PDB file of N, CA and C in Angstrom:
ATOM      1  N   UNK A   1      18.497   6.050  -2.002  1.00  0.00           N
ATOM      2  CA  UNK A   1      18.044   6.881  -1.506  1.00  0.00           C
ATOM      3  C   UNK A   1      16.894   7.607  -1.767  1.00  0.00           C
ATOM      4  N   UNK A   2      17.233   8.209  -3.125  1.00  0.00           N
ATOM      5  CA  UNK A   2      16.290   9.209  -3.910  1.00  0.00           C
ATOM      6  C   UNK A   2      15.344   7.703  -3.697  1.00  0.00           C
ATOM      7  N   UNK A   3      15.123   6.743  -4.778  1.00  0.00           N
ATOM      8  CA  UNK A   3      13.674   6.265  -4.894  1.00  0.00           C
ATOM      9  C   UNK A   3      13.412   5.874  -3.070  1.00  0.00           C
ATOM     10  N   UNK A   4      14.012   5.579  -2.118  1.00  0.00           N
ATOM     11  CA  UNK A   4      13.252   5.804  -0.927  1.00  0.00           C
ATOM     12  C   UNK A   4      12.004   6.626  -0.873  1.00  0.00           C
ATOM     13  N   UNK A   5      12.899   7.326  -0.522  1.00  0.00           N
ATOM     14  CA  UNK A   5      12.193   8.876  -0.287  1.00  0.00           C
ATOM     15  C   UNK A   5      11.048   9.571  -2.032  1.00  0.00           C
ATOM     16  N   UNK A   6      10.758   8.663  -3.017  1.00  0.00           N
ATOM     17  CA  UNK A   6      10.205   8.796  -3.792  1.00  0.00           C
ATOM     18  C   UNK A   6       8.800   7.993  -3.620  1.00  0.00           C
ATOM     19  N   UNK A   7       9.176   6.830  -2.990  1.00  0.00           N
ATOM     20  CA  UNK A   7       8.310   5.958  -2.991  1.00  0.00           C
ATOM     21  C   UNK A   7       7.027   6.070  -1.654  1.00  0.00           C
ATOM     22  N   UNK A   8       8.205   6.925  -0.573  1.00  0.00           N
ATOM     23  CA  UNK A   8       7.485   7.414   0.371  1.00  0.00           C
ATOM     24  C   UNK A   8       6.417   8.750   0.050  1.00  0.00           C
ATOM     25  N   UNK A   9       6.183   9.553  -0.595  1.00  0.00           N
ATOM     26  CA  UNK A   9       5.594  10.046  -1.588  1.00  0.00           C
ATOM     27  C   UNK A   9       4.908   9.736  -1.405  1.00  0.00           C
ATOM     28  N   UNK A  10       4.839   8.960  -2.914  1.00  0.00           N
ATOM     29  CA  UNK A  10       3.968   8.605  -3.730  1.00  0.00           C
ATOM     30  C   UNK A  10       3.037   7.638  -3.119  1.00  0.00           C
ATOM     31  N   UNK A  11       3.126   6.821  -2.122  1.00  0.00           N
ATOM     32  CA  UNK A  11       2.319   6.144  -0.789  1.00  0.00           C
ATOM     33  C   UNK A  11       1.379   7.069  -0.335  1.00  0.00           C
ATOM     34  N   UNK A  12       2.565   8.476   0.828  1.00  0.00           N
ATOM     35  CA  UNK A  12       1.705   8.632   1.266  1.00  0.00           C
ATOM     36  C   UNK A  12       0.392   9.929   0.166  1.00  0.00           C
ATOM     37  N   UNK A  13       1.031  10.412  -0.979  1.00  0.00           N
ATOM     38  CA  UNK A  13      -0.181  10.616  -1.632  1.00  0.00           C
ATOM     39  C   UNK A  13      -1.359  10.265  -2.541  1.00  0.00           C
ATOM     40  N   UNK A  14      -1.030   9.089  -2.612  1.00  0.00           N
ATOM     41  CA  UNK A  14      -2.112   7.686  -2.686  1.00  0.00           C
ATOM     42  C   UNK A  14      -3.046   7.611  -1.304  1.00  0.00           C
ATOM     43  N   UNK A  15      -2.545   7.487   0.128  1.00  0.00           N
ATOM     44  CA  UNK A  15      -3.445   7.033   1.372  1.00  0.00           C
ATOM     45  C   UNK A  15      -4.112   8.438   1.585  1.00  0.00           C
ATOM     46  N   UNK A  16      -3.163   9.651   1.428  1.00  0.00           N
ATOM     47  CA  UNK A  16      -4.287  10.776   1.070  1.00  0.00           C
ATOM     48  C   UNK A  16      -5.152  11.022   0.224  1.00  0.00           C
ATOM     49  N   UNK A  17      -5.315  10.600  -1.096  1.00  0.00           N
ATOM     50  CA  UNK A  17      -6.197  10.147  -1.529  1.00  0.00           C
ATOM     51  C   UNK A  17      -7.334   9.349  -1.628  1.00  0.00           C
ATOM     52  N   UNK A  18      -6.835   8.329  -1.043  1.00  0.00           N
ATOM     53  CA  UNK A  18      -7.818   7.067  -0.562  1.00  0.00           C
ATOM     54  C   UNK A  18      -8.567   7.570   0.380  1.00  0.00           C
ATOM     55  N   UNK A  19      -8.060   8.447   1.427  1.00  0.00           N
ATOM     56  CA  UNK A  19      -8.698   9.027   2.646  1.00  0.00           C
ATOM     57  C   UNK A  19      -9.841   9.674   2.036  1.00  0.00           C
ATOM     58  N   UNK A  20      -9.172  10.693   1.327  1.00  0.00           N
ATOM     59  CA  UNK A  20     -10.311  11.430   0.720  1.00  0.00           C
ATOM     60  C   UNK A  20     -11.504  10.778  -0.135  1.00  0.00           C
ATOM     61  N   UNK A  21     -11.467  10.106  -1.139  1.00  0.00           N
ATOM     62  CA  UNK A  21     -12.542   9.221  -1.997  1.00  0.00           C
ATOM     63  C   UNK A  21     -13.001   8.312  -0.774  1.00  0.00           C
ATOM     64  N   UNK A  22     -12.519   7.619   0.406  1.00  0.00           N
ATOM     65  CA  UNK A  22     -13.110   6.312   0.927  1.00  0.00           C
ATOM     66  C   UNK A  22     -12.407   6.863   2.499  1.00  0.00           C
ATOM     67  N   UNK A  23     -13.398   7.714   3.066  1.00  0.00           N
ATOM     68  CA  UNK A  23     -12.887   7.773   4.345  1.00  0.00           C
ATOM     69  C   UNK A  23     -13.061   6.608   5.824  1.00  0.00           C
ATOM     70  N   UNK A  24     -14.074   5.971   5.184  1.00  0.00           N
ATOM     71  CA  UNK A  24     -14.090   4.910   5.712  1.00  0.00           C
ATOM     72  C   UNK A  24     -13.342   3.999   5.538  1.00  0.00           C
ATOM     73  N   UNK A  25     -13.319   2.337   6.467  1.00  0.00           N
ATOM     74  CA  UNK A  25     -12.828   1.320   5.888  1.00  0.00           C
ATOM     75  C   UNK A  25     -13.567  -0.133   6.903  1.00  0.00           C
ATOM     76  N   UNK A  26     -13.581  -1.147   6.113  1.00  0.00           N
ATOM     77  CA  UNK A  26     -14.361  -2.109   7.535  1.00  0.00           C
ATOM     78  C   UNK A  26     -13.125  -1.673   8.736  1.00  0.00           C
ATOM     79  N   UNK A  27     -14.145  -2.441   9.706  1.00  0.00           N
ATOM     80  CA  UNK A  27     -13.925  -2.630  11.271  1.00  0.00           C
ATOM     81  C   UNK A  27     -13.048  -3.813  10.870  1.00  0.00           C
ATOM     82  N   UNK A  28     -11.622  -3.203  12.093  1.00  0.00           N
ATOM     83  CA  UNK A  28     -10.756  -4.733  11.917  1.00  0.00           C
ATOM     84  C   UNK A  28     -10.807  -5.882  12.973  1.00  0.00           C
ATOM     85  N   UNK A  29     -11.267  -4.992  14.240  1.00  0.00           N
ATOM     86  CA  UNK A  29     -12.397  -6.168  15.100  1.00  0.00           C
ATOM     87  C   UNK A  29     -13.198  -7.360  14.681  1.00  0.00           C
ATOM     88  N   UNK A  30     -14.036  -6.747  13.750  1.00  0.00           N
ATOM     89  CA  UNK A  30     -15.160  -7.849  13.307  1.00  0.00           C
ATOM     90  C   UNK A  30     -14.980  -8.446  12.260  1.00  0.00           C
ATOM     91  N   UNK A  31     -13.693  -7.495  10.962  1.00  0.00           N
ATOM     92  CA  UNK A  31     -14.040  -7.767  10.036  1.00  0.00           C
ATOM     93  C   UNK A  31     -15.072  -7.372   8.628  1.00  0.00           C
ATOM     94  N   UNK A  32     -15.942  -6.231   9.143  1.00  0.00           N
ATOM     95  CA  UNK A  32     -16.659  -5.943   8.555  1.00  0.00           C
ATOM     96  C   UNK A  32     -18.160  -6.296   8.859  1.00  0.00           C
ATOM     97  N   UNK A  33     -18.407  -7.185   9.579  1.00  0.00           N
ATOM     98  CA  UNK A  33     -19.162  -7.810   9.917  1.00  0.00           C
ATOM     99  C   UNK A  33     -20.556  -7.513  10.893  1.00  0.00           C
ATOM    100  N   UNK A  34     -20.116  -6.419  11.960  1.00  0.00           N
ATOM    101  CA  UNK A  34     -20.412  -6.235  13.388  1.00  0.00           C
ATOM    102  C   UNK A  34     -20.566  -6.432  14.175  1.00  0.00           C
ATOM    103  N   UNK A  35     -20.488  -8.233  14.504  1.00  0.00           N
ATOM    104  CA  UNK A  35     -20.643  -9.043  15.419  1.00  0.00           C
ATOM    105  C   UNK A  35     -19.706  -9.611  15.394  1.00  0.00           C
ATOM    106  N   UNK A  36     -18.896 -10.082  17.257  1.00  0.00           N
ATOM    107  CA  UNK A  36     -18.000 -10.856  17.305  1.00  0.00           C
ATOM    108  C   UNK A  36     -18.550 -12.188  18.161  1.00  0.00           C
ATOM    109  N   UNK A  37     -17.705 -13.253  17.727  1.00  0.00           N
ATOM    110  CA  UNK A  37     -18.255 -14.290  18.609  1.00  0.00           C
ATOM    111  C   UNK A  37     -17.550 -14.447  19.806  1.00  0.00           C
ATOM    112  N   UNK A  38     -18.286 -14.551  20.997  1.00  0.00           N
ATOM    113  CA  UNK A  38     -17.614 -14.624  22.197  1.00  0.00           C
ATOM    114  C   UNK A  38     -18.071 -15.446  23.061  1.00  0.00           C
ATOM    115  N   UNK A  39     -17.527 -16.647  23.322  1.00  0.00           N
ATOM    116  CA  UNK A  39     -17.614 -17.651  24.240  1.00  0.00           C
ATOM    117  C   UNK A  39     -18.587 -18.397  23.560  1.00  0.00           C
ATOM    118  N   UNK A  40     -19.012 -18.434  22.165  1.00  0.00           N
ATOM    119  CA  UNK A  40     -20.767 -19.185  21.157  1.00  0.00           C
ATOM    120  C   UNK A  40     -21.080 -18.396  21.119  1.00  0.00           C
ATOM    121  N   UNK A  41     -21.391 -16.837  21.635  1.00  0.00           N
ATOM    122  CA  UNK A  41     -22.649 -15.999  21.216  1.00  0.00           C
ATOM    123  C   UNK A  41     -22.231 -15.020  20.053  1.00  0.00           C
ATOM    124  N   UNK A  42     -23.003 -14.537  19.696  1.00  0.00           N
ATOM    125  CA  UNK A  42     -22.978 -13.696  19.037  1.00  0.00           C
ATOM    126  C   UNK A  42     -22.830 -12.459  19.897  1.00  0.00           C
ATOM    127  N   UNK A  43     -22.217 -11.345  19.580  1.00  0.00           N
ATOM    128  CA  UNK A  43     -21.999  -9.699  19.992  1.00  0.00           C
ATOM    129  C   UNK A  43     -22.269  -9.225  19.362  1.00  0.00           C
ATOM    130  N   UNK A  44     -22.850  -7.785  19.960  1.00  0.00           N
ATOM    131  CA  UNK A  44     -21.917  -6.437  18.805  1.00  0.00           C
ATOM    132  C   UNK A  44     -20.706  -6.321  19.031  1.00  0.00           C
ATOM    133  N   UNK A  45     -19.814  -5.968  18.146  1.00  0.00           N
ATOM    134  CA  UNK A  45     -18.559  -4.982  17.939  1.00  0.00           C
ATOM    135  C   UNK A  45     -18.501  -4.387  18.984  1.00  0.00           C
ATOM    136  N   UNK A  46     -17.672  -4.886  19.757  1.00  0.00           N
ATOM    137  CA  UNK A  46     -17.395  -3.191  20.771  1.00  0.00           C
ATOM    138  C   UNK A  46     -16.800  -2.429  20.202  1.00  0.00           C
ATOM    139  N   UNK A  47     -15.052  -2.508  18.891  1.00  0.00           N
ATOM    140  CA  UNK A  47     -14.992  -1.357  18.124  1.00  0.00           C
ATOM    141  C   UNK A  47     -15.883  -0.444  17.582  1.00  0.00           C
ATOM    142  N   UNK A  48     -16.593  -1.031  16.841  1.00  0.00           N
ATOM    143  CA  UNK A  48     -17.678   0.172  15.628  1.00  0.00           C
ATOM    144  C   UNK A  48     -18.969  -0.238  16.373  1.00  0.00           C
ATOM    145  N   UNK A  49     -19.691  -0.538  16.972  1.00  0.00           N
ATOM    146  CA  UNK A  49     -20.533  -0.390  17.870  1.00  0.00           C
ATOM    147  C   UNK A  49     -22.272  -1.527  16.751  1.00  0.00           C
ATOM    148  N   UNK A  50     -21.104  -2.295  16.331  1.00  0.00           N
ATOM    149  CA  UNK A  50     -22.083  -2.337  14.846  1.00  0.00           C
ATOM    150  C   UNK A  50     -22.324  -1.909  14.132  1.00  0.00           C
ATOM    151  N   UNK A  51     -21.709  -1.131  13.731  1.00  0.00           N
ATOM    152  CA  UNK A  51     -21.962  -0.218  12.171  1.00  0.00           C
ATOM    153  C   UNK A  51     -20.892  -0.890  11.124  1.00  0.00           C
ATOM    154  N   UNK A  52     -19.924  -1.953  11.755  1.00  0.00           N
ATOM    155  CA  UNK A  52     -19.309  -2.295  10.690  1.00  0.00           C
ATOM    156  C   UNK A  52     -17.803  -1.438   9.916  1.00  0.00           C
ATOM    157  N   UNK A  53     -17.874  -0.470  10.308  1.00  0.00           N
ATOM    158  CA  UNK A  53     -17.338   0.365   9.767  1.00  0.00           C
ATOM    159  C   UNK A  53     -16.734   1.452  10.508  1.00  0.00           C
ATOM    160  N   UNK A  54     -15.315   1.350  10.510  1.00  0.00           N
ATOM    161  CA  UNK A  54     -14.265   2.898  11.320  1.00  0.00           C
ATOM    162  C   UNK A  54     -14.038   3.861  10.098  1.00  0.00           C
ATOM    163  N   UNK A  55     -13.369   4.420  11.062  1.00  0.00           N
ATOM    164  CA  UNK A  55     -12.649   6.097  10.626  1.00  0.00           C
ATOM    165  C   UNK A  55     -11.274   5.830   9.989  1.00  0.00           C
ATOM    166  N   UNK A  56     -10.605   5.994   9.063  1.00  0.00           N
ATOM    167  CA  UNK A  56      -9.590   5.538   8.698  1.00  0.00           C
ATOM    168  C   UNK A  56      -8.767   6.843   9.233  1.00  0.00           C
ATOM    169  N   UNK A  57      -7.282   5.779  10.099  1.00  0.00           N
ATOM    170  CA  UNK A  57      -6.216   6.440  10.393  1.00  0.00           C
ATOM    171  C   UNK A  57      -6.149   8.186  10.377  1.00  0.00           C
ATOM    172  N   UNK A  58      -5.877   8.372   8.569  1.00  0.00           N
ATOM    173  CA  UNK A  58      -5.036   9.378   8.325  1.00  0.00           C
ATOM    174  C   UNK A  58      -6.484  10.419   7.580  1.00  0.00           C
ATOM    175  N   UNK A  59      -8.119  10.120   7.839  1.00  0.00           N
ATOM    176  CA  UNK A  59      -8.948  11.003   7.978  1.00  0.00           C
ATOM    177  C   UNK A  59      -8.725  12.015   9.581  1.00  0.00           C
ATOM    178  N   UNK A  60      -9.113  10.647  10.197  1.00  0.00           N
ATOM    179  CA  UNK A  60      -9.010  10.934  11.753  1.00  0.00           C
ATOM    180  C   UNK A  60      -8.452  12.377  11.829  1.00  0.00           C
ATOM    181  N   UNK A  61      -6.969  12.147  11.613  1.00  0.00           N
ATOM    182  CA  UNK A  61      -6.063  13.059  11.574  1.00  0.00           C
ATOM    183  C   UNK A  61      -6.040  13.834  10.829  1.00  0.00           C
ATOM    184  N   UNK A  62      -6.731  14.357   9.554  1.00  0.00           N
ATOM    185  CA  UNK A  62      -7.565  15.268   8.768  1.00  0.00           C
ATOM    186  C   UNK A  62      -8.355  16.255   9.506  1.00  0.00           C
ATOM    187  N   UNK A  63      -9.110  15.657  10.262  1.00  0.00           N
ATOM    188  CA  UNK A  63     -10.496  15.983  10.962  1.00  0.00           C
ATOM    189  C   UNK A  63      -9.966  16.304  12.094  1.00  0.00           C
ATOM    190  N   UNK A  64      -8.809  16.123  13.080  1.00  0.00           N
ATOM    191  CA  UNK A  64      -8.357  17.004  14.372  1.00  0.00           C
ATOM    192  C   UNK A  64      -7.573  17.817  13.339  1.00  0.00           C
ATOM    193  N   UNK A  65      -6.948  18.132  12.528  1.00  0.00           N
ATOM    194  CA  UNK A  65      -6.312  19.295  12.200  1.00  0.00           C
ATOM    195  C   UNK A  65      -7.173  20.097  11.462  1.00  0.00           C
ATOM    196  N   UNK A  66      -8.169  19.869  11.025  1.00  0.00           N
ATOM    197  CA  UNK A  66      -8.870  20.703  10.465  1.00  0.00           C
ATOM    198  C   UNK A  66      -9.904  21.683  11.544  1.00  0.00           C
ATOM    199  N   UNK A  67      -9.916  20.741  12.899  1.00  0.00           N
ATOM    200  CA  UNK A  67     -10.531  21.418  13.878  1.00  0.00           C
ATOM    201  C   UNK A  67     -10.227  22.113  14.807  1.00  0.00           C
ATOM    202  N   UNK A  68      -8.191  21.719  14.273  1.00  0.00           N
ATOM    203  CA  UNK A  68      -8.111  22.915  15.621  1.00  0.00           C
ATOM    204  C   UNK A  68      -6.915  24.215  14.278  1.00  0.00           C
ATOM    205  N   UNK A  69      -7.278  24.162  13.105  1.00  0.00           N
ATOM    206  CA  UNK A  69      -6.827  25.209  12.704  1.00  0.00           C
ATOM    207  C   UNK A  69      -8.131  26.005  12.414  1.00  0.00           C
ATOM    208  N   UNK A  70      -9.733  25.215  12.590  1.00  0.00           N
ATOM    209  CA  UNK A  70     -10.990  26.635  12.324  1.00  0.00           C
ATOM    210  C   UNK A  70     -11.244  26.983  13.622  1.00  0.00           C
ATOM    211  N   UNK A  71     -10.287  26.484  15.077  1.00  0.00           N
ATOM    212  CA  UNK A  71     -10.803  26.434  16.098  1.00  0.00           C
ATOM    213  C   UNK A  71      -9.508  28.087  16.351  1.00  0.00           C
ATOM    214  N   UNK A  72      -8.612  27.596  16.216  1.00  0.00           N
ATOM    215  CA  UNK A  72      -7.704  28.749  16.239  1.00  0.00           C
ATOM    216  C   UNK A  72      -7.476  29.993  15.036  1.00  0.00           C
ATOM    217  N   UNK A  73      -8.639  29.873  14.177  1.00  0.00           N
ATOM    218  CA  UNK A  73      -8.575  30.924  13.071  1.00  0.00           C
ATOM    219  C   UNK A  73      -9.799  31.776  13.666  1.00  0.00           C
ATOM    220  N   UNK A  74     -10.364  31.501  14.646  1.00  0.00           N
ATOM    221  CA  UNK A  74     -11.514  32.405  14.898  1.00  0.00           C
ATOM    222  C   UNK A  74     -11.940  33.775  15.600  1.00  0.00           C
TER     223      UNK A  74
END
């Protein structure tokens, strides 16, 4: 039981450090290429709009929390 809790906390800390150091990750749909092939033609990726990167889930949650906190303390 303790081992599972310690490993979970360790994973959360390492993911938070990763979100702080590298907030962007390669797009999952186009694998960081920026284009997908559809019916034999290359098209711009609809998920990342050709930017090849996406914001990580943890960073998106942090940004939402920070905006909410700033709006509440004004």
